[in-house]
Amino acid sequence: MKFFLLKFLMKSALNLLNASGLITVLLFCGYLVMQGETEVGVTVVFISGSSAFPRLCES
């Protein structure tokens, strides 16, 4: 029983860390857009490129 609880907690923690990376990027890029330092398109390209990066490294 302890193994399954540990497995559940570890998987939840990894999912939370994975989602927090995207949220951090969105918040930071949103701040830069509001300050006029960058545009929304740059944020979209950055997020699209960062999601494709692991696939590019595998080949």
C-alpha atoms as a PDB file:
ATOM      1  CA  MET A   1       0.000   0.000   0.000  1.00  0.00           C
ATOM      2  CA  LYS A   2       2.850   2.405   0.815  1.00  0.00           C
ATOM      3  CA  PHE A   3       4.382   1.811  -2.607  1.00  0.00           C
ATOM      4  CA  PHE A   4       1.207   2.860  -4.416  1.00  0.00           C
ATOM      5  CA  LEU A   5       0.851   5.943  -2.239  1.00  0.00           C
ATOM      6  CA  LEU A   6       4.474   6.905  -2.916  1.00  0.00           C
ATOM      7  CA  LYS A   7       4.000   6.277  -6.634  1.00  0.00           C
ATOM      8  CA  PHE A   8       0.870   8.460  -6.662  1.00  0.00           C
ATOM      9  CA  LEU A   9       2.596  11.284  -4.767  1.00  0.00           C
ATOM     10  CA  MET A  10       5.666  11.226  -6.996  1.00  0.00           C
ATOM     11  CA  LYS A  11       3.567  11.230 -10.168  1.00  0.00           C
ATOM     12  CA  SER A  12       1.484  14.122  -8.831  1.00  0.00           C
ATOM     13  CA  ALA A  13       4.605  16.089  -7.940  1.00  0.00           C
ATOM     14  CA  LEU A  14       6.086  15.575 -11.406  1.00  0.00           C
ATOM     15  CA  ASN A  15       2.852  16.649 -13.079  1.00  0.00           C
ATOM     16  CA  LEU A  16       2.751  19.760 -10.903  1.00  0.00           C
ATOM     17  CA  LEU A  17       6.358  20.639 -11.756  1.00  0.00           C
ATOM     18  CA  ASN A  18       5.697  20.084 -15.445  1.00  0.00           C
ATOM     19  CA  ALA A  19       2.669  22.382 -15.394  1.00  0.00           C
ATOM     20  CA  SER A  20       4.422  25.002 -13.282  1.00  0.00           C
ATOM     21  CA  GLY A  21       7.067  25.446 -15.986  1.00  0.00           C
ATOM     22  CA  LEU A  22       4.467  26.404 -18.572  1.00  0.00           C
ATOM     23  CA  ILE A  23       2.640  28.655 -16.120  1.00  0.00           C
ATOM     24  CA  THR A  24       5.901  30.417 -15.245  1.00  0.00           C
ATOM     25  CA  VAL A  25       6.662  31.048 -18.921  1.00  0.00           C
ATOM     26  CA  LEU A  26       3.140  32.364 -19.529  1.00  0.00           C
ATOM     27  CA  LEU A  27       3.292  34.701 -16.531  1.00  0.00           C
ATOM     28  CA  PHE A  28       6.737  36.026 -17.413  1.00  0.00           C
ATOM     29  CA  CYS A  29       5.883  36.522 -21.087  1.00  0.00           C
ATOM     30  CA  GLY A  30       2.583  38.136 -20.121  1.00  0.00           C
ATOM     31  CA  TYR A  31       4.483  40.574 -17.947  1.00  0.00           C
ATOM     32  CA  LEU A  32       6.861  41.385 -20.812  1.00  0.00           C
ATOM     33  CA  VAL A  33       3.934  41.924 -23.197  1.00  0.00           C
ATOM     34  CA  MET A  34       2.266  44.305 -20.744  1.00  0.00           C
ATOM     35  CA  GLN A  35       5.519  46.246 -20.360  1.00  0.00           C
ATOM     36  CA  GLY A  36       5.836  46.514 -24.151  1.00  0.00           C
ATOM     37  CA  GLU A  37       9.115  44.599 -24.242  1.00  0.00           C
ATOM     38  CA  THR A  38       7.801  41.852 -26.539  1.00  0.00           C
ATOM     39  CA  GLU A  39       4.709  40.826 -28.491  1.00  0.00           C
ATOM     40  CA  VAL A  40       2.202  38.035 -28.036  1.00  0.00           C
ATOM     41  CA  GLY A  41       3.486  36.279 -31.161  1.00  0.00           C
ATOM     42  CA  VAL A  42       6.899  35.837 -29.567  1.00  0.00           C
ATOM     43  CA  THR A  43       5.260  34.059 -26.635  1.00  0.00           C
ATOM     44  CA  VAL A  44       3.340  31.752 -28.945  1.00  0.00           C
ATOM     45  CA  VAL A  45       6.450  30.896 -30.949  1.00  0.00           C
ATOM     46  CA  PHE A  46       8.486  30.303 -27.799  1.00  0.00           C
ATOM     47  CA  ILE A  47       5.904  27.932 -26.298  1.00  0.00           C
ATOM     48  CA  SER A  48       5.454  26.102 -29.608  1.00  0.00           C
ATOM     49  CA  GLY A  49       9.198  25.730 -30.028  1.00  0.00           C
ATOM     50  CA  SER A  50       9.781  24.598 -26.469  1.00  0.00           C
ATOM     51  CA  SER A  51       7.171  21.854 -26.794  1.00  0.00           C
ATOM     52  CA  ALA A  52       8.855  20.598 -29.990  1.00  0.00           C
ATOM     53  CA  PHE A  53      12.375  20.711 -28.515  1.00  0.00           C
ATOM     54  CA  PRO A  54      12.351  17.249 -26.843  1.00  0.00           C
ATOM     55  CA  ARG A  55      11.261  15.639 -30.114  1.00  0.00           C
ATOM     56  CA  LEU A  56      14.100  17.345 -31.980  1.00  0.00           C
ATOM     57  CA  CYS A  57      16.660  16.094 -29.465  1.00  0.00           C
ATOM     58  CA  GLU A  58      15.555  12.470 -29.832  1.00  0.00           C
ATOM     59  CA  SER A  59      16.430  12.211 -33.528  1.00  0.00           C
END
